[in-house]
Full PDB file with SEQRES, HELIX, SHEET, SSBOND, CRYST1, ORIGX, SCALE, CONECT and MASTER records, all heavy atoms in Angstrom:
SEQRES   1 A   38  ASP PRO GLU SER VAL TRP LYS ALA LYS LYS LEU VAL ASP          
SEQRES   2 A   38  SER THR PHE HIS SER ASP THR GLY GLU LYS ILE LEU LEU          
SEQRES   3 A   38  PRO PHE ARG MET SER CYS PHE VAL PRO THR ASN ALA              
HELIX    1 AA1 PRO A    2  THR A   15  1                                  14    
HELIX    2 AA2 LEU A   26  PHE A   28  5                                   3    
HELIX    3 AA3 MET A   30  CYS A   32  5                                   3    
HELIX    4 AA4 PHE A   33  ASN A   37  1                                   5    
CRYST1    1.000    1.000    1.000  90.00  90.00  90.00 P 1           1          
ORIGX1      1.000000  0.000000  0.000000        0.00000                         
ORIGX2      0.000000  1.000000  0.000000        0.00000                         
ORIGX3      0.000000  0.000000  1.000000        0.00000                         
SCALE1      1.000000  0.000000  0.000000        0.00000                         
SCALE2      0.000000  1.000000  0.000000        0.00000                         
SCALE3      0.000000  0.000000  1.000000        0.00000                         
ATOM      1  N   ASP A   1     130.898  87.087 166.609  1.00  0.00           N  
ATOM      2  CA  ASP A   1     129.884  87.934 165.975  1.00  0.00           C  
ATOM      3  C   ASP A   1     129.725  89.235 166.765  1.00  0.00           C  
ATOM      4  O   ASP A   1     129.539  89.191 167.995  1.00  0.00           O  
ATOM      5  CB  ASP A   1     128.558  87.171 165.933  1.00  0.00           C  
ATOM      6  CG  ASP A   1     127.415  88.032 165.401  1.00  0.00           C  
ATOM      7  OD1 ASP A   1     127.633  88.768 164.436  1.00  0.00           O  
ATOM      8  OD2 ASP A   1     126.321  87.980 165.995  1.00  0.00           O  
ATOM      9  N   PRO A   2     129.799  90.401 166.112  1.00  0.00           N  
ATOM     10  CA  PRO A   2     129.685  91.698 166.812  1.00  0.00           C  
ATOM     11  C   PRO A   2     128.418  91.814 167.650  1.00  0.00           C  
ATOM     12  O   PRO A   2     128.437  92.397 168.739  1.00  0.00           O  
ATOM     13  CB  PRO A   2     129.694  92.722 165.669  1.00  0.00           C  
ATOM     14  CG  PRO A   2     130.453  92.051 164.572  1.00  0.00           C  
ATOM     15  CD  PRO A   2     130.093  90.602 164.684  1.00  0.00           C  
ATOM     16  N   GLU A   3     127.302  91.263 167.151  1.00  0.00           N  
ATOM     17  CA  GLU A   3     126.045  91.343 167.899  1.00  0.00           C  
ATOM     18  C   GLU A   3     126.159  90.616 169.235  1.00  0.00           C  
ATOM     19  O   GLU A   3     125.604  91.059 170.253  1.00  0.00           O  
ATOM     20  CB  GLU A   3     124.909  90.753 167.072  1.00  0.00           C  
ATOM     21  CG  GLU A   3     123.510  91.070 167.599  1.00  0.00           C  
ATOM     22  CD  GLU A   3     123.208  92.562 167.626  1.00  0.00           C  
ATOM     23  OE1 GLU A   3     123.659  93.285 166.714  1.00  0.00           O  
ATOM     24  OE2 GLU A   3     122.522  93.002 168.576  1.00  0.00           O  
ATOM     25  N   SER A   4     126.883  89.503 169.254  1.00  0.00           N  
ATOM     26  CA  SER A   4     127.092  88.756 170.500  1.00  0.00           C  
ATOM     27  C   SER A   4     127.942  89.560 171.480  1.00  0.00           C  
ATOM     28  O   SER A   4     127.713  89.522 172.693  1.00  0.00           O  
ATOM     29  CB  SER A   4     127.771  87.413 170.205  1.00  0.00           C  
ATOM     30  OG  SER A   4     126.962  86.607 169.370  1.00  0.00           O  
ATOM     31  N   VAL A   5     128.915  90.294 170.947  1.00  0.00           N  
ATOM     32  CA  VAL A   5     129.769  91.124 171.800  1.00  0.00           C  
ATOM     33  C   VAL A   5     128.957  92.253 172.424  1.00  0.00           C  
ATOM     34  O   VAL A   5     129.068  92.526 173.622  1.00  0.00           O  
ATOM     35  CB  VAL A   5     130.949  91.701 170.993  1.00  0.00           C  
ATOM     36  CG1 VAL A   5     131.797  92.625 171.870  1.00  0.00           C  
ATOM     37  CG2 VAL A   5     131.818  90.575 170.436  1.00  0.00           C  
ATOM     38  N   TRP A   6     128.119  92.906 171.615  1.00  0.00           N  
ATOM     39  CA  TRP A   6     127.302  94.004 172.141  1.00  0.00           C  
ATOM     40  C   TRP A   6     126.296  93.486 173.170  1.00  0.00           C  
ATOM     41  O   TRP A   6     126.015  94.164 174.173  1.00  0.00           O  
ATOM     42  CB  TRP A   6     126.566  94.719 171.014  1.00  0.00           C  
ATOM     43  CG  TRP A   6     127.422  95.615 170.180  1.00  0.00           C  
ATOM     44  CD1 TRP A   6     127.620  95.559 168.839  1.00  0.00           C  
ATOM     45  CD2 TRP A   6     128.214  96.721 170.642  1.00  0.00           C  
ATOM     46  NE1 TRP A   6     128.482  96.559 168.433  1.00  0.00           N  
ATOM     47  CE2 TRP A   6     128.855  97.284 169.519  1.00  0.00           C  
ATOM     48  CE3 TRP A   6     128.440  97.294 171.898  1.00  0.00           C  
ATOM     49  CZ2 TRP A   6     129.709  98.382 169.618  1.00  0.00           C  
ATOM     50  CZ3 TRP A   6     129.286  98.384 172.004  1.00  0.00           C  
ATOM     51  CH2 TRP A   6     129.909  98.923 170.870  1.00  0.00           C  
ATOM     52  N   LYS A   7     125.752  92.306 172.936  1.00  0.00           N  
ATOM     53  CA  LYS A   7     124.809  91.725 173.897  1.00  0.00           C  
ATOM     54  C   LYS A   7     125.509  91.446 175.226  1.00  0.00           C  
ATOM     55  O   LYS A   7     124.961  91.706 176.301  1.00  0.00           O  
ATOM     56  CB  LYS A   7     124.208  90.432 173.335  1.00  0.00           C  
ATOM     57  CG  LYS A   7     123.160  89.810 174.250  1.00  0.00           C  
ATOM     58  CD  LYS A   7     122.547  88.564 173.624  1.00  0.00           C  
ATOM     59  CE  LYS A   7     121.500  87.950 174.562  1.00  0.00           C  
ATOM     60  NZ  LYS A   7     120.901  86.727 173.965  1.00  0.00           N  
ATOM     61  N   ALA A   8     126.736  90.937 175.138  1.00  0.00           N  
ATOM     62  CA  ALA A   8     127.508  90.670 176.354  1.00  0.00           C  
ATOM     63  C   ALA A   8     127.823  91.965 177.086  1.00  0.00           C  
ATOM     64  O   ALA A   8     127.734  92.041 178.322  1.00  0.00           O  
ATOM     65  CB  ALA A   8     128.802  89.934 176.000  1.00  0.00           C  
ATOM     66  N   LYS A   9     128.173  93.005 176.344  1.00  0.00           N  
ATOM     67  CA  LYS A   9     128.480  94.300 176.965  1.00  0.00           C  
ATOM     68  C   LYS A   9     127.246  94.878 177.658  1.00  0.00           C  
ATOM     69  O   LYS A   9     127.349  95.482 178.734  1.00  0.00           O  
ATOM     70  CB  LYS A   9     129.010  95.272 175.917  1.00  0.00           C  
ATOM     71  CG  LYS A   9     129.317  96.669 176.480  1.00  0.00           C  
ATOM     72  CD  LYS A   9     129.980  97.556 175.460  1.00  0.00           C  
ATOM     73  CE  LYS A   9     130.045  99.013 175.926  1.00  0.00           C  
ATOM     74  NZ  LYS A   9     130.709  99.162 177.240  1.00  0.00           N  
ATOM     75  N   LYS A  10     126.072  94.692 177.049  1.00  0.00           N  
ATOM     76  CA  LYS A  10     124.835  95.178 177.659  1.00  0.00           C  
ATOM     77  C   LYS A  10     124.611  94.515 179.020  1.00  0.00           C  
ATOM     78  O   LYS A  10     124.260  95.186 180.005  1.00  0.00           O  
ATOM     79  CB  LYS A  10     123.642  94.892 176.739  1.00  0.00           C  
ATOM     80  CG  LYS A  10     122.311  95.379 177.303  1.00  0.00           C  
ATOM     81  CD  LYS A  10     121.130  94.936 176.448  1.00  0.00           C  
ATOM     82  CE  LYS A  10     120.815  93.469 176.680  1.00  0.00           C  
ATOM     83  NZ  LYS A  10     119.503  93.072 176.092  1.00  0.00           N  
ATOM     84  N   LEU A  11     124.826  93.209 179.094  1.00  0.00           N  
ATOM     85  CA  LEU A  11     124.646  92.484 180.353  1.00  0.00           C  
ATOM     86  C   LEU A  11     125.661  92.940 181.402  1.00  0.00           C  
ATOM     87  O   LEU A  11     125.322  93.114 182.574  1.00  0.00           O  
ATOM     88  CB  LEU A  11     124.774  90.975 180.116  1.00  0.00           C  
ATOM     89  CG  LEU A  11     123.703  90.334 179.234  1.00  0.00           C  
ATOM     90  CD1 LEU A  11     123.997  88.853 179.049  1.00  0.00           C  
ATOM     91  CD2 LEU A  11     122.320  90.522 179.842  1.00  0.00           C  
ATOM     92  N   VAL A  12     126.897  93.137 180.974  1.00  0.00           N  
ATOM     93  CA  VAL A  12     127.953  93.565 181.896  1.00  0.00           C  
ATOM     94  C   VAL A  12     127.663  94.978 182.411  1.00  0.00           C  
ATOM     95  O   VAL A  12     127.742  95.253 183.616  1.00  0.00           O  
ATOM     96  CB  VAL A  12     129.330  93.508 181.209  1.00  0.00           C  
ATOM     97  CG1 VAL A  12     130.390  94.191 182.083  1.00  0.00           C  
ATOM     98  CG2 VAL A  12     129.724  92.063 180.920  1.00  0.00           C  
ATOM     99  N   ASP A  13     127.316  95.888 181.504  1.00  0.00           N  
ATOM    100  CA  ASP A  13     127.059  97.282 181.902  1.00  0.00           C  
ATOM    101  C   ASP A  13     125.854  97.413 182.820  1.00  0.00           C  
ATOM    102  O   ASP A  13     125.807  98.317 183.663  1.00  0.00           O  
ATOM    103  CB  ASP A  13     126.845  98.149 180.659  1.00  0.00           C  
ATOM    104  CG  ASP A  13     128.128  98.384 179.887  1.00  0.00           C  
ATOM    105  OD1 ASP A  13     129.208  98.039 180.403  1.00  0.00           O  
ATOM    106  OD2 ASP A  13     128.055  98.901 178.750  1.00  0.00           O  
ATOM    107  N   SER A  14     124.862  96.546 182.661  1.00  0.00           N  
ATOM    108  CA  SER A  14     123.650  96.632 183.477  1.00  0.00           C  
ATOM    109  C   SER A  14     123.805  95.937 184.825  1.00  0.00           C  
ATOM    110  O   SER A  14     122.948  96.100 185.701  1.00  0.00           O  
ATOM    111  CB  SER A  14     122.455  96.014 182.731  1.00  0.00           C  
ATOM    112  OG  SER A  14     122.627  94.612 182.584  1.00  0.00           O  
ATOM    113  N   THR A  15     124.901  95.204 185.001  1.00  0.00           N  
ATOM    114  CA  THR A  15     125.088  94.402 186.214  1.00  0.00           C  
ATOM    115  C   THR A  15     126.244  94.889 187.082  1.00  0.00           C  
ATOM    116  O   THR A  15     126.163  94.852 188.308  1.00  0.00           O  
ATOM    117  CB  THR A  15     125.329  92.926 185.851  1.00  0.00           C  
ATOM    118  OG1 THR A  15     124.249  92.463 185.025  1.00  0.00           O  
ATOM    119  CG2 THR A  15     125.411  92.051 187.093  1.00  0.00           C  
ATOM    120  N   PHE A  16     127.314  95.360 186.454  1.00  0.00           N  
ATOM    121  CA  PHE A  16     128.522  95.742 187.185  1.00  0.00           C  
ATOM    122  C   PHE A  16     128.712  97.263 187.175  1.00  0.00           C  
ATOM    123  O   PHE A  16     128.436  97.920 186.168  1.00  0.00           O  
ATOM    124  CB  PHE A  16     129.749  95.055 186.579  1.00  0.00           C  
ATOM    125  CG  PHE A  16     129.681  93.557 186.624  1.00  0.00           C  
ATOM    126  CD1 PHE A  16     129.165  92.832 185.558  1.00  0.00           C  
ATOM    127  CD2 PHE A  16     130.116  92.859 187.737  1.00  0.00           C  
ATOM    128  CE1 PHE A  16     129.093  91.447 185.592  1.00  0.00           C  
ATOM    129  CE2 PHE A  16     130.048  91.477 187.788  1.00  0.00           C  
ATOM    130  CZ  PHE A  16     129.533  90.762 186.717  1.00  0.00           C  
ATOM    131  N   HIS A  17     129.196  97.812 188.285  1.00  0.00           N  
ATOM    132  CA  HIS A  17     129.397  99.262 188.388  1.00  0.00           C  
ATOM    133  C   HIS A  17     130.555  99.691 187.499  1.00  0.00           C  
ATOM    134  O   HIS A  17     131.618  99.047 187.485  1.00  0.00           O  
ATOM    135  CB  HIS A  17     129.673  99.650 189.839  1.00  0.00           C  
ATOM    136  CG  HIS A  17     129.494 101.103 190.101  1.00  0.00           C  
ATOM    137  ND1 HIS A  17     130.443 102.049 189.728  1.00  0.00           N  
ATOM    138  CD2 HIS A  17     128.479 101.802 190.675  1.00  0.00           C  
ATOM    139  CE1 HIS A  17     130.024 103.243 190.079  1.00  0.00           C  
ATOM    140  NE2 HIS A  17     128.829 103.132 190.644  1.00  0.00           N  
ATOM    141  N   SER A  18     130.366 100.786 186.783  1.00  0.00           N  
ATOM    142  CA  SER A  18     131.366 101.235 185.813  1.00  0.00           C  
ATOM    143  C   SER A  18     132.648 101.747 186.469  1.00  0.00           C  
ATOM    144  O   SER A  18     133.711 101.731 185.847  1.00  0.00           O  
ATOM    145  CB  SER A  18     130.780 102.337 184.915  1.00  0.00           C  
ATOM    146  OG  SER A  18     130.317 103.430 185.701  1.00  0.00           O  
ATOM    147  N   ASP A  19     132.573 102.201 187.726  1.00  0.00           N  
ATOM    148  CA  ASP A  19     133.768 102.700 188.419  1.00  0.00           C  
ATOM    149  C   ASP A  19     134.545 101.589 189.100  1.00  0.00           C  
ATOM    150  O   ASP A  19     135.782 101.547 189.038  1.00  0.00           O  
ATOM    151  CB  ASP A  19     133.384 103.747 189.468  1.00  0.00           C  
ATOM    152  CG  ASP A  19     133.049 105.094 188.851  1.00  0.00           C  
ATOM    153  OD1 ASP A  19     133.514 105.360 187.729  1.00  0.00           O  
ATOM    154  OD2 ASP A  19     132.323 105.879 189.485  1.00  0.00           O  
ATOM    155  N   THR A  20     133.837 100.684 189.767  1.00  0.00           N  
ATOM    156  CA  THR A  20     134.499  99.664 190.588  1.00  0.00           C  
ATOM    157  C   THR A  20     134.595  98.303 189.908  1.00  0.00           C  
ATOM    158  O   THR A  20     135.448  97.496 190.281  1.00  0.00           O  
ATOM    159  CB  THR A  20     133.753  99.485 191.917  1.00  0.00           C  
ATOM    160  OG1 THR A  20     132.428  98.976 191.644  1.00  0.00           O  
ATOM    161  CG2 THR A  20     133.621 100.808 192.652  1.00  0.00           C  
ATOM    162  N   GLY A  21     133.710  98.037 188.945  1.00  0.00           N  
ATOM    163  CA  GLY A  21     133.672  96.722 188.319  1.00  0.00           C  
ATOM    164  C   GLY A  21     132.985  95.682 189.185  1.00  0.00           C  
ATOM    165  O   GLY A  21     132.890  94.509 188.818  1.00  0.00           O  
ATOM    166  N   GLU A  22     132.482  96.096 190.356  1.00  0.00           N  
ATOM    167  CA  GLU A  22     131.801  95.173 191.258  1.00  0.00           C  
ATOM    168  C   GLU A  22     130.334  95.015 190.883  1.00  0.00           C  
ATOM    169  O   GLU A  22     129.714  95.940 190.359  1.00  0.00           O  
ATOM    170  CB  GLU A  22     131.914  95.673 192.701  1.00  0.00           C  
ATOM    171  CG  GLU A  22     133.343  95.722 193.225  1.00  0.00           C  
ATOM    172  CD  GLU A  22     133.421  96.260 194.637  1.00  0.00           C  
ATOM    173  OE1 GLU A  22     132.354  96.636 195.183  1.00  0.00           O  
ATOM    174  OE2 GLU A  22     134.533  96.322 195.185  1.00  0.00           O  
ATOM    175  N   LYS A  23     129.791  93.842 191.197  1.00  0.00           N  
ATOM    176  CA  LYS A  23     128.390  93.566 190.884  1.00  0.00           C  
ATOM    177  C   LYS A  23     127.482  94.397 191.783  1.00  0.00           C  
ATOM    178  O   LYS A  23     127.653  94.438 192.992  1.00  0.00           O  
ATOM    179  CB  LYS A  23     128.091  92.074 191.062  1.00  0.00           C  
ATOM    180  CG  LYS A  23     126.710  91.651 190.564  1.00  0.00           C  
ATOM    181  CD  LYS A  23     126.460  90.184 190.836  1.00  0.00           C  
ATOM    182  CE  LYS A  23     127.378  89.297 190.013  1.00  0.00           C  
ATOM    183  NZ  LYS A  23     127.074  87.862 190.226  1.00  0.00           N  
ATOM    184  N   ILE A  24     126.499  95.056 191.165  1.00  0.00           N  
ATOM    185  CA  ILE A  24     125.523  95.847 191.917  1.00  0.00           C  
ATOM    186  C   ILE A  24     124.472  94.900 192.494  1.00  0.00           C  
ATOM    187  O   ILE A  24     124.006  93.995 191.803  1.00  0.00           O  
ATOM    188  CB  ILE A  24     124.850  96.888 191.002  1.00  0.00           C  
ATOM    189  CG1 ILE A  24     125.898  97.847 190.426  1.00  0.00           C  
ATOM    190  CG2 ILE A  24     123.786  97.675 191.762  1.00  0.00           C  
ATOM    191  CD1 ILE A  24     125.355  98.771 189.352  1.00  0.00           C  
ATOM    192  N   LEU A  25     124.107  95.114 193.758  1.00  0.00           N  
ATOM    193  CA  LEU A  25     123.091  94.272 194.401  1.00  0.00           C  
ATOM    194  C   LEU A  25     121.824  94.280 193.547  1.00  0.00           C  
ATOM    195  O   LEU A  25     121.326  95.342 193.163  1.00  0.00           O  
ATOM    196  CB  LEU A  25     122.803  94.802 195.804  1.00  0.00           C  
ATOM    197  CG  LEU A  25     121.983  93.898 196.718  1.00  0.00           C  
ATOM    198  CD1 LEU A  25     122.748  92.614 197.015  1.00  0.00           C  
ATOM    199  CD2 LEU A  25     121.675  94.626 198.031  1.00  0.00           C  
ATOM    200  N   LEU A  26     121.282  93.104 193.277  1.00  0.00           N  
ATOM    201  CA  LEU A  26     120.216  92.940 192.273  1.00  0.00           C  
ATOM    202  C   LEU A  26     119.022  93.882 192.430  1.00  0.00           C  
ATOM    203  O   LEU A  26     118.619  94.510 191.444  1.00  0.00           O  
ATOM    204  CB  LEU A  26     119.747  91.481 192.253  1.00  0.00           C  
ATOM    205  CG  LEU A  26     118.815  91.108 191.097  1.00  0.00           C  
ATOM    206  CD1 LEU A  26     119.055  89.668 190.665  1.00  0.00           C  
ATOM    207  CD2 LEU A  26     117.347  91.271 191.494  1.00  0.00           C  
ATOM    208  N   PRO A  27     118.412  94.041 193.614  1.00  0.00           N  
ATOM    209  CA  PRO A  27     117.223  94.910 193.686  1.00  0.00           C  
ATOM    210  C   PRO A  27     117.497  96.362 193.332  1.00  0.00           C  
ATOM    211  O   PRO A  27     116.560  97.116 193.064  1.00  0.00           O  
ATOM    212  CB  PRO A  27     116.786  94.778 195.151  1.00  0.00           C  
ATOM    213  CG  PRO A  27     117.435  93.535 195.642  1.00  0.00           C  
ATOM    214  CD  PRO A  27     118.725  93.440 194.910  1.00  0.00           C  
ATOM    215  N   PHE A  28     118.777  96.756 193.322  1.00  0.00           N  
ATOM    216  CA  PHE A  28     119.110  98.159 193.117  1.00  0.00           C  
ATOM    217  C   PHE A  28     119.889  98.414 191.835  1.00  0.00           C  
ATOM    218  O   PHE A  28     120.512  99.462 191.675  1.00  0.00           O  
ATOM    219  CB  PHE A  28     119.852  98.688 194.342  1.00  0.00           C  
ATOM    220  CG  PHE A  28     119.120  98.408 195.621  1.00  0.00           C  
ATOM    221  CD1 PHE A  28     119.632  97.536 196.564  1.00  0.00           C  
ATOM    222  CD2 PHE A  28     117.878  98.976 195.851  1.00  0.00           C  
ATOM    223  CE1 PHE A  28     118.931  97.252 197.725  1.00  0.00           C  
ATOM    224  CE2 PHE A  28     117.156  98.701 197.002  1.00  0.00           C  
ATOM    225  CZ  PHE A  28     117.689  97.834 197.943  1.00  0.00           C  
ATOM    226  N   ARG A  29     119.855  97.439 190.926  1.00  0.00           N  
ATOM    227  CA  ARG A  29     120.359  97.688 189.581  1.00  0.00           C  
ATOM    228  C   ARG A  29     119.315  98.520 188.844  1.00  0.00           C  
ATOM    229  O   ARG A  29     118.116  98.407 189.123  1.00  0.00           O  
ATOM    230  CB  ARG A  29     120.597  96.372 188.835  1.00  0.00           C  
ATOM    231  CG  ARG A  29     121.655  95.485 189.475  1.00  0.00           C  
ATOM    232  CD  ARG A  29     121.714  94.118 188.822  1.00  0.00           C  
ATOM    233  NE  ARG A  29     122.516  93.204 189.613  1.00  0.00           N  
ATOM    234  CZ  ARG A  29     122.593  91.898 189.407  1.00  0.00           C  
ATOM    235  NH1 ARG A  29     121.905  91.343 188.411  1.00  0.00           N  
ATOM    236  NH2 ARG A  29     123.343  91.138 190.192  1.00  0.00           N  
ATOM    237  N   MET A  30     119.749  99.324 187.882  1.00  0.00           N  
ATOM    238  CA  MET A  30     118.792 100.162 187.167  1.00  0.00           C  
ATOM    239  C   MET A  30     117.800  99.313 186.372  1.00  0.00           C  
ATOM    240  O   MET A  30     116.674  99.750 186.118  1.00  0.00           O  
ATOM    241  CB  MET A  30     119.522 101.132 186.243  1.00  0.00           C  
ATOM    242  CG  MET A  30     120.378 102.152 186.982  1.00  0.00           C  
ATOM    243  SD  MET A  30     119.533 103.025 188.335  1.00  0.00           S  
ATOM    244  CE  MET A  30     118.342 104.002 187.412  1.00  0.00           C  
ATOM    245  N   SER A  31     118.166  98.095 186.013  1.00  0.00           N  
ATOM    246  CA  SER A  31     117.231  97.204 185.311  1.00  0.00           C  
ATOM    247  C   SER A  31     116.144  96.693 186.250  1.00  0.00           C  
ATOM    248  O   SER A  31     115.129  96.155 185.805  1.00  0.00           O  
ATOM    249  CB  SER A  31     117.984  96.026 184.687  1.00  0.00           C  
ATOM    250  OG  SER A  31     118.777  95.362 185.658  1.00  0.00           O  
ATOM    251  N   CYS A  32     116.348  96.875 187.560  1.00  0.00           N  
ATOM    252  CA  CYS A  32     115.348  96.449 188.553  1.00  0.00           C  
ATOM    253  C   CYS A  32     114.603  97.646 189.134  1.00  0.00           C  
ATOM    254  O   CYS A  32     113.831  97.494 190.088  1.00  0.00           O  
ATOM    255  CB  CYS A  32     116.038  95.662 189.673  1.00  0.00           C  
ATOM    256  SG  CYS A  32     114.917  94.610 190.625  1.00  0.00           S  
ATOM    257  N   PHE A  33     114.798  98.813 188.552  1.00  0.00           N  
ATOM    258  CA  PHE A  33     114.174 100.032 189.085  1.00  0.00           C  
ATOM    259  C   PHE A  33     112.654  99.933 189.063  1.00  0.00           C  
ATOM    260  O   PHE A  33     111.986 100.293 190.039  1.00  0.00           O  
ATOM    261  CB  PHE A  33     114.624 101.237 188.260  1.00  0.00           C  
ATOM    262  CG  PHE A  33     114.198 102.563 188.816  1.00  0.00           C  
ATOM    263  CD1 PHE A  33     115.003 103.246 189.718  1.00  0.00           C  
ATOM    264  CD2 PHE A  33     112.980 103.145 188.456  1.00  0.00           C  
ATOM    265  CE1 PHE A  33     114.616 104.474 190.246  1.00  0.00           C  
ATOM    266  CE2 PHE A  33     112.583 104.367 188.971  1.00  0.00           C  
ATOM    267  CZ  PHE A  33     113.401 105.033 189.873  1.00  0.00           C  
ATOM    268  N   VAL A  34     112.099  99.444 187.963  1.00  0.00           N  
ATOM    269  CA  VAL A  34     110.640  99.352 187.851  1.00  0.00           C  
ATOM    270  C   VAL A  34     110.058  98.327 188.814  1.00  0.00           C  
ATOM    271  O   VAL A  34     109.142  98.649 189.593  1.00  0.00           O  
ATOM    272  CB  VAL A  34     110.216  99.043 186.396  1.00  0.00           C  
ATOM    273  CG1 VAL A  34     108.708  98.798 186.316  1.00  0.00           C  
ATOM    274  CG2 VAL A  34     110.605 100.195 185.482  1.00  0.00           C  
ATOM    275  N   PRO A  35     110.559  97.068 188.834  1.00  0.00           N  
ATOM    276  CA  PRO A  35     110.006  96.108 189.793  1.00  0.00           C  
ATOM    277  C   PRO A  35     110.144  96.555 191.248  1.00  0.00           C  
ATOM    278  O   PRO A  35     109.244  96.340 192.062  1.00  0.00           O  
ATOM    279  CB  PRO A  35     110.834  94.843 189.540  1.00  0.00           C  
ATOM    280  CG  PRO A  35     111.312  94.978 188.135  1.00  0.00           C  
ATOM    281  CD  PRO A  35     111.547  96.442 187.936  1.00  0.00           C  
ATOM    282  N   THR A  36     111.266  97.199 191.582  1.00  0.00           N  
ATOM    283  CA  THR A  36     111.490  97.621 192.966  1.00  0.00           C  
ATOM    284  C   THR A  36     110.566  98.759 193.372  1.00  0.00           C  
ATOM    285  O   THR A  36     110.098  98.825 194.516  1.00  0.00           O  
ATOM    286  CB  THR A  36     112.961  98.050 193.161  1.00  0.00           C  
ATOM    287  OG1 THR A  36     113.823  96.957 192.837  1.00  0.00           O  
ATOM    288  CG2 THR A  36     113.226  98.478 194.596  1.00  0.00           C  
ATOM    289  N   ASN A  37     110.271  99.658 192.443  1.00  0.00           N  
ATOM    290  CA  ASN A  37     109.510 100.866 192.774  1.00  0.00           C  
ATOM    291  C   ASN A  37     108.007 100.776 192.521  1.00  0.00           C  
ATOM    292  O   ASN A  37     107.262 101.610 193.032  1.00  0.00           O  
ATOM    293  CB  ASN A  37     110.063 102.064 191.991  1.00  0.00           C  
ATOM    294  CG  ASN A  37     111.320 102.620 192.605  1.00  0.00           C  
ATOM    295  OD1 ASN A  37     111.275 103.412 193.540  1.00  0.00           O  
ATOM    296  ND2 ASN A  37     112.466 102.186 192.086  1.00  0.00           N  
ATOM    297  N   ALA A  38     107.558  99.816 191.731  1.00  0.00           N  
ATOM    298  CA  ALA A  38     106.155  99.770 191.305  1.00  0.00           C  
ATOM    299  C   ALA A  38     105.187  99.714 192.494  1.00  0.00           C  
ATOM    300  O   ALA A  38     104.221 100.485 192.570  1.00  0.00           O  
ATOM    301  CB  ALA A  38     105.920  98.584 190.383  1.00  0.00           C  
TER     302      ALA A  38                                                      
MASTER        0    0    0    4    0    0    0    6  301    1    0    3          
END                                                                             
């Protein structure tokens, strides 16, 4: 299902660096920007 593919891509893009493909340390992912900075 295309929706499942897009959901998977969202998780991958928010977790792994687009240049290296390596996992970004959790507190410094952009999805953690608000909890880290609040």
